[in-house]
Amino acid sequence: FSYKLPEENEIIQAYAADLSTYFNENIVAFITGTRSLDEWDSYINTLESLNVSEVIKVHQAAVDRRTNVD
């Protein structure tokens, strides 16, 4: 059962693929050292430009609803 509202699922669908790709490519680069940790702020700024805050809000709202139901 999903605690996400239809409009929240639309937000996730709109942003999740780009965020996932960017995250997966960069986390490996940071771990392997092919991307310097000096670039961390740039990485975070790009995540913000890809609407990571909106996706986090959706997931938090779903958790809050689930917590209030259980």
PDB file of N, CA and C in Angstrom:
ATOM      1  N   PHE A   1       0.841  -1.182   0.000  1.00  0.00           N
ATOM      2  CA  PHE A   1       0.000   0.000   0.000  1.00  0.00           C
ATOM      3  C   PHE A   1       0.882   1.239   0.000  1.00  0.00           C
ATOM      4  N   SER A   2       0.529   2.175  -0.838  1.00  0.00           N
ATOM      5  CA  SER A   2       1.301   3.415  -0.931  1.00  0.00           C
ATOM      6  C   SER A   2       0.581   4.533  -0.202  1.00  0.00           C
ATOM      7  N   TYR A   3       1.325   5.270   0.563  1.00  0.00           N
ATOM      8  CA  TYR A   3       0.769   6.421   1.262  1.00  0.00           C
ATOM      9  C   TYR A   3       0.967   7.707   0.471  1.00  0.00           C
ATOM     10  N   LYS A   4       1.426   7.577  -0.769  1.00  0.00           N
ATOM     11  CA  LYS A   4       1.619   8.756  -1.612  1.00  0.00           C
ATOM     12  C   LYS A   4       0.335   9.099  -2.339  1.00  0.00           C
ATOM     13  N   LEU A   5       0.062  10.372  -2.421  1.00  0.00           N
ATOM     14  CA  LEU A   5      -1.089  10.855  -3.153  1.00  0.00           C
ATOM     15  C   LEU A   5      -0.781  10.859  -4.645  1.00  0.00           C
ATOM     16  N   PRO A   6      -1.803  10.826  -5.501  1.00  0.00           N
ATOM     17  CA  PRO A   6      -1.549  10.812  -6.952  1.00  0.00           C
ATOM     18  C   PRO A   6      -0.649  11.956  -7.417  1.00  0.00           C
ATOM     19  N   GLU A   7      -0.865  13.142  -6.897  1.00  0.00           N
ATOM     20  CA  GLU A   7      -0.032  14.276  -7.311  1.00  0.00           C
ATOM     21  C   GLU A   7       1.411  14.124  -6.816  1.00  0.00           C
ATOM     22  N   GLU A   8       1.586  13.431  -5.702  1.00  0.00           N
ATOM     23  CA  GLU A   8       2.937  13.175  -5.208  1.00  0.00           C
ATOM     24  C   GLU A   8       3.649  12.150  -6.092  1.00  0.00           C
ATOM     25  N   ASN A   9       2.908  11.155  -6.547  1.00  0.00           N
ATOM     26  CA  ASN A   9       3.496  10.184  -7.472  1.00  0.00           C
ATOM     27  C   ASN A   9       3.928  10.857  -8.768  1.00  0.00           C
ATOM     28  N   GLU A  10       3.179  11.846  -9.203  1.00  0.00           N
ATOM     29  CA  GLU A  10       3.549  12.596 -10.409  1.00  0.00           C
ATOM     30  C   GLU A  10       4.869  13.332 -10.209  1.00  0.00           C
ATOM     31  N   ILE A  11       5.061  13.905  -9.030  1.00  0.00           N
ATOM     32  CA  ILE A  11       6.318  14.598  -8.723  1.00  0.00           C
ATOM     33  C   ILE A  11       7.478  13.611  -8.778  1.00  0.00           C
ATOM     34  N   ILE A  12       7.299  12.475  -8.160  1.00  0.00           N
ATOM     35  CA  ILE A  12       8.359  11.466  -8.161  1.00  0.00           C
ATOM     36  C   ILE A  12       8.658  11.008  -9.582  1.00  0.00           C
ATOM     37  N   GLN A  13       7.625  10.736 -10.357  1.00  0.00           N
ATOM     38  CA  GLN A  13       7.827  10.303 -11.744  1.00  0.00           C
ATOM     39  C   GLN A  13       8.538  11.367 -12.561  1.00  0.00           C
ATOM     40  N   ALA A  14       8.261  12.621 -12.282  1.00  0.00           N
ATOM     41  CA  ALA A  14       8.864  13.703 -13.054  1.00  0.00           C
ATOM     42  C   ALA A  14      10.359  13.848 -12.781  1.00  0.00           C
ATOM     43  N   TYR A  15      10.789  13.568 -11.567  1.00  0.00           N
ATOM     44  CA  TYR A  15      12.168  13.868 -11.183  1.00  0.00           C
ATOM     45  C   TYR A  15      13.040  12.666 -10.856  1.00  0.00           C
ATOM     46  N   ALA A  16      12.455  11.549 -10.508  1.00  0.00           N
ATOM     47  CA  ALA A  16      13.220  10.428  -9.964  1.00  0.00           C
ATOM     48  C   ALA A  16      14.248   9.851 -10.928  1.00  0.00           C
ATOM     49  N   ALA A  17      13.931   9.722 -12.185  1.00  0.00           N
ATOM     50  CA  ALA A  17      14.875   9.108 -13.125  1.00  0.00           C
ATOM     51  C   ALA A  17      16.153   9.928 -13.244  1.00  0.00           C
ATOM     52  N   ASP A  18      16.015  11.243 -13.432  1.00  0.00           N
ATOM     53  CA  ASP A  18      17.200  12.100 -13.541  1.00  0.00           C
ATOM     54  C   ASP A  18      18.009  12.103 -12.250  1.00  0.00           C
ATOM     55  N   LEU A  19      17.310  12.171 -11.126  1.00  0.00           N
ATOM     56  CA  LEU A  19      18.009  12.155  -9.841  1.00  0.00           C
ATOM     57  C   LEU A  19      18.754  10.839  -9.632  1.00  0.00           C
ATOM     58  N   SER A  20      18.118   9.753  -9.941  1.00  0.00           N
ATOM     59  CA  SER A  20      18.735   8.447  -9.754  1.00  0.00           C
ATOM     60  C   SER A  20      19.978   8.305 -10.624  1.00  0.00           C
ATOM     61  N   THR A  21      19.875   8.694 -11.877  1.00  0.00           N
ATOM     62  CA  THR A  21      21.021   8.615 -12.778  1.00  0.00           C
ATOM     63  C   THR A  21      22.169   9.474 -12.275  1.00  0.00           C
ATOM     64  N   TYR A  22      21.865  10.719 -11.918  1.00  0.00           N
ATOM     65  CA  TYR A  22      22.907  11.641 -11.450  1.00  0.00           C
ATOM     66  C   TYR A  22      23.549  11.115 -10.170  1.00  0.00           C
ATOM     67  N   PHE A  23      22.723  10.666  -9.245  1.00  0.00           N
ATOM     68  CA  PHE A  23      23.231  10.138  -7.981  1.00  0.00           C
ATOM     69  C   PHE A  23      24.142   8.939  -8.230  1.00  0.00           C
ATOM     70  N   ASN A  24      23.655   7.959  -8.993  1.00  0.00           N
ATOM     71  CA  ASN A  24      24.420   6.735  -9.212  1.00  0.00           C
ATOM     72  C   ASN A  24      25.754   7.003  -9.908  1.00  0.00           C
ATOM     73  N   GLU A  25      25.755   7.875 -10.886  1.00  0.00           N
ATOM     74  CA  GLU A  25      26.996   8.196 -11.589  1.00  0.00           C
ATOM     75  C   GLU A  25      27.994   8.893 -10.669  1.00  0.00           C
ATOM     76  N   ASN A  26      27.501   9.784  -9.850  1.00  0.00           N
ATOM     77  CA  ASN A  26      28.410  10.588  -9.031  1.00  0.00           C
ATOM     78  C   ASN A  26      28.842   9.906  -7.754  1.00  0.00           C
ATOM     79  N   ILE A  27      27.998   9.111  -7.146  1.00  0.00           N
ATOM     80  CA  ILE A  27      28.407   8.453  -5.905  1.00  0.00           C
ATOM     81  C   ILE A  27      29.573   7.508  -6.185  1.00  0.00           C
ATOM     82  N   VAL A  28      29.528   6.824  -7.312  1.00  0.00           N
ATOM     83  CA  VAL A  28      30.638   5.955  -7.700  1.00  0.00           C
ATOM     84  C   VAL A  28      31.887   6.792  -7.940  1.00  0.00           C
ATOM     85  N   ALA A  29      31.735   7.924  -8.600  1.00  0.00           N
ATOM     86  CA  ALA A  29      32.884   8.790  -8.877  1.00  0.00           C
ATOM     87  C   ALA A  29      33.506   9.308  -7.581  1.00  0.00           C
ATOM     88  N   PHE A  30      32.679   9.677  -6.611  1.00  0.00           N
ATOM     89  CA  PHE A  30      33.224  10.141  -5.330  1.00  0.00           C
ATOM     90  C   PHE A  30      33.926   9.000  -4.588  1.00  0.00           C
ATOM     91  N   ILE A  31      33.329   7.828  -4.609  1.00  0.00           N
ATOM     92  CA  ILE A  31      33.917   6.689  -3.895  1.00  0.00           C
ATOM     93  C   ILE A  31      35.239   6.262  -4.524  1.00  0.00           C
ATOM     94  N   THR A  32      35.277   6.209  -5.838  1.00  0.00           N
ATOM     95  CA  THR A  32      36.494   5.755  -6.518  1.00  0.00           C
ATOM     96  C   THR A  32      37.550   6.839  -6.642  1.00  0.00           C
ATOM     97  N   GLY A  33      37.176   8.072  -6.340  1.00  0.00           N
ATOM     98  CA  GLY A  33      38.134   9.164  -6.399  1.00  0.00           C
ATOM     99  C   GLY A  33      38.258   9.818  -7.760  1.00  0.00           C
ATOM    100  N   THR A  34      37.421   9.410  -8.706  1.00  0.00           N
ATOM    101  CA  THR A  34      37.473  10.071 -10.011  1.00  0.00           C
ATOM    102  C   THR A  34      36.796  11.435  -9.972  1.00  0.00           C
ATOM    103  N   ARG A  35      36.062  11.686  -8.918  1.00  0.00           N
ATOM    104  CA  ARG A  35      35.522  13.024  -8.659  1.00  0.00           C
ATOM    105  C   ARG A  35      35.974  13.428  -7.262  1.00  0.00           C
ATOM    106  N   SER A  36      36.549  14.599  -7.170  1.00  0.00           N
ATOM    107  CA  SER A  36      37.102  15.090  -5.913  1.00  0.00           C
ATOM    108  C   SER A  36      35.994  15.516  -4.948  1.00  0.00           C
ATOM    109  N   LEU A  37      36.236  15.285  -3.673  1.00  0.00           N
ATOM    110  CA  LEU A  37      35.280  15.757  -2.667  1.00  0.00           C
ATOM    111  C   LEU A  37      35.223  17.282  -2.613  1.00  0.00           C
ATOM    112  N   ASP A  38      36.195  17.948  -3.228  1.00  0.00           N
ATOM    113  CA  ASP A  38      36.143  19.405  -3.344  1.00  0.00           C
ATOM    114  C   ASP A  38      34.944  19.841  -4.198  1.00  0.00           C
ATOM    115  N   GLU A  39      34.387  18.914  -4.956  1.00  0.00           N
ATOM    116  CA  GLU A  39      33.248  19.205  -5.820  1.00  0.00           C
ATOM    117  C   GLU A  39      31.911  18.871  -5.161  1.00  0.00           C
ATOM    118  N   TRP A  40      31.938  18.525  -3.887  1.00  0.00           N
ATOM    119  CA  TRP A  40      30.718  18.109  -3.188  1.00  0.00           C
ATOM    120  C   TRP A  40      29.639  19.197  -3.231  1.00  0.00           C
ATOM    121  N   ASP A  41      30.004  20.442  -2.984  1.00  0.00           N
ATOM    122  CA  ASP A  41      29.007  21.519  -2.999  1.00  0.00           C
ATOM    123  C   ASP A  41      28.363  21.659  -4.375  1.00  0.00           C
ATOM    124  N   SER A  42      29.145  21.505  -5.413  1.00  0.00           N
ATOM    125  CA  SER A  42      28.613  21.549  -6.772  1.00  0.00           C
ATOM    126  C   SER A  42      27.646  20.391  -7.003  1.00  0.00           C
ATOM    127  N   TYR A  43      27.996  19.229  -6.501  1.00  0.00           N
ATOM    128  CA  TYR A  43      27.128  18.049  -6.584  1.00  0.00           C
ATOM    129  C   TYR A  43      25.788  18.320  -5.907  1.00  0.00           C
ATOM    130  N   ILE A  44      25.836  18.850  -4.706  1.00  0.00           N
ATOM    131  CA  ILE A  44      24.610  19.154  -3.959  1.00  0.00           C
ATOM    132  C   ILE A  44      23.785  20.211  -4.697  1.00  0.00           C
ATOM    133  N   ASN A  45      24.431  21.229  -5.222  1.00  0.00           N
ATOM    134  CA  ASN A  45      23.714  22.266  -5.975  1.00  0.00           C
ATOM    135  C   ASN A  45      23.013  21.684  -7.194  1.00  0.00           C
ATOM    136  N   THR A  46      23.668  20.748  -7.855  1.00  0.00           N
ATOM    137  CA  THR A  46      23.036  20.113  -9.011  1.00  0.00           C
ATOM    138  C   THR A  46      21.850  19.265  -8.580  1.00  0.00           C
ATOM    139  N   LEU A  47      21.991  18.543  -7.468  1.00  0.00           N
ATOM    140  CA  LEU A  47      20.842  17.792  -6.945  1.00  0.00           C
ATOM    141  C   LEU A  47      19.670  18.722  -6.676  1.00  0.00           C
ATOM    142  N   GLU A  48      19.951  19.869  -6.100  1.00  0.00           N
ATOM    143  CA  GLU A  48      18.880  20.846  -5.838  1.00  0.00           C
ATOM    144  C   GLU A  48      18.243  21.313  -7.141  1.00  0.00           C
ATOM    145  N   SER A  49      19.052  21.524  -8.173  1.00  0.00           N
ATOM    146  CA  SER A  49      18.502  21.963  -9.454  1.00  0.00           C
ATOM    147  C   SER A  49      17.669  20.867 -10.108  1.00  0.00           C
ATOM    148  N   LEU A  50      17.903  19.620  -9.710  1.00  0.00           N
ATOM    149  CA  LEU A  50      17.118  18.490 -10.208  1.00  0.00           C
ATOM    150  C   LEU A  50      15.910  18.205  -9.309  1.00  0.00           C
ATOM    151  N   ASN A  51      15.612  19.119  -8.399  1.00  0.00           N
ATOM    152  CA  ASN A  51      14.419  19.071  -7.546  1.00  0.00           C
ATOM    153  C   ASN A  51      14.444  17.985  -6.475  1.00  0.00           C
ATOM    154  N   VAL A  52      15.626  17.693  -5.946  1.00  0.00           N
ATOM    155  CA  VAL A  52      15.725  16.684  -4.896  1.00  0.00           C
ATOM    156  C   VAL A  52      14.892  17.077  -3.669  1.00  0.00           C
ATOM    157  N   SER A  53      14.789  18.351  -3.371  1.00  0.00           N
ATOM    158  CA  SER A  53      14.010  18.786  -2.202  1.00  0.00           C
ATOM    159  C   SER A  53      12.539  18.436  -2.346  1.00  0.00           C
ATOM    160  N   GLU A  54      12.017  18.552  -3.560  1.00  0.00           N
ATOM    161  CA  GLU A  54      10.612  18.204  -3.794  1.00  0.00           C
ATOM    162  C   GLU A  54      10.379  16.711  -3.584  1.00  0.00           C
ATOM    163  N   VAL A  55      11.294  15.902  -4.058  1.00  0.00           N
ATOM    164  CA  VAL A  55      11.165  14.458  -3.904  1.00  0.00           C
ATOM    165  C   VAL A  55      11.266  14.073  -2.425  1.00  0.00           C
ATOM    166  N   ILE A  56      12.170  14.703  -1.707  1.00  0.00           N
ATOM    167  CA  ILE A  56      12.295  14.450  -0.273  1.00  0.00           C
ATOM    168  C   ILE A  56      11.011  14.823   0.452  1.00  0.00           C
ATOM    169  N   LYS A  57      10.421  15.954   0.093  1.00  0.00           N
ATOM    170  CA  LYS A  57       9.161  16.381   0.718  1.00  0.00           C
ATOM    171  C   LYS A  57       8.054  15.357   0.492  1.00  0.00           C
ATOM    172  N   VAL A  58       7.977  14.817  -0.712  1.00  0.00           N
ATOM    173  CA  VAL A  58       6.959  13.810  -1.023  1.00  0.00           C
ATOM    174  C   VAL A  58       7.158  12.571  -0.155  1.00  0.00           C
ATOM    175  N   HIS A  59       8.379  12.092  -0.097  1.00  0.00           N
ATOM    176  CA  HIS A  59       8.649  10.900   0.719  1.00  0.00           C
ATOM    177  C   HIS A  59       8.388  11.170   2.199  1.00  0.00           C
ATOM    178  N   GLN A  60       8.746  12.351   2.675  1.00  0.00           N
ATOM    179  CA  GLN A  60       8.505  12.683   4.075  1.00  0.00           C
ATOM    180  C   GLN A  60       7.013  12.753   4.367  1.00  0.00           C
ATOM    181  N   ALA A  61       6.250  13.320   3.459  1.00  0.00           N
ATOM    182  CA  ALA A  61       4.797  13.398   3.652  1.00  0.00           C
ATOM    183  C   ALA A  61       4.188  11.999   3.718  1.00  0.00           C
ATOM    184  N   ALA A  62       4.675  11.086   2.875  1.00  0.00           N
ATOM    185  CA  ALA A  62       4.174   9.711   2.898  1.00  0.00           C
ATOM    186  C   ALA A  62       4.530   9.023   4.211  1.00  0.00           C
ATOM    187  N   VAL A  63       5.740   9.235   4.687  1.00  0.00           N
ATOM    188  CA  VAL A  63       6.154   8.656   5.976  1.00  0.00           C
ATOM    189  C   VAL A  63       5.299   9.226   7.097  1.00  0.00           C
ATOM    190  N   ASP A  64       5.066  10.526   7.067  1.00  0.00           N
ATOM    191  CA  ASP A  64       4.245  11.159   8.105  1.00  0.00           C
ATOM    192  C   ASP A  64       2.829  10.581   8.111  1.00  0.00           C
ATOM    193  N   ARG A  65       2.269  10.382   6.922  1.00  0.00           N
ATOM    194  CA  ARG A  65       0.921   9.806   6.859  1.00  0.00           C
ATOM    195  C   ARG A  65       0.919   8.378   7.379  1.00  0.00           C
ATOM    196  N   ARG A  66       1.913   7.594   6.994  1.00  0.00           N
ATOM    197  CA  ARG A  66       1.995   6.214   7.455  1.00  0.00           C
ATOM    198  C   ARG A  66       2.150   6.158   8.967  1.00  0.00           C
ATOM    199  N   THR A  67       2.966   7.056   9.517  1.00  0.00           N
ATOM    200  CA  THR A  67       3.201   7.085  10.956  1.00  0.00           C
ATOM    201  C   THR A  67       1.926   7.441  11.705  1.00  0.00           C
ATOM    202  N   ASN A  68       1.139   8.331  11.131  1.00  0.00           N
ATOM    203  CA  ASN A  68      -0.105   8.747  11.793  1.00  0.00           C
ATOM    204  C   ASN A  68      -1.207   7.721  11.674  1.00  0.00           C
ATOM    205  N   VAL A  69      -1.097   6.758  10.744  1.00  0.00           N
ATOM    206  CA  VAL A  69      -2.112   5.746  10.554  1.00  0.00           C
ATOM    207  C   VAL A  69      -1.832   4.526  11.415  1.00  0.00           C
ATOM    208  N   ASP A  70      -0.572   4.134  11.476  1.00  0.00           N
ATOM    209  CA  ASP A  70      -0.202   2.905  12.194  1.00  0.00           C
ATOM    210  C   ASP A  70      -0.450   3.055  13.629  1.00  0.00           C
TER     211      ASP A  70
END
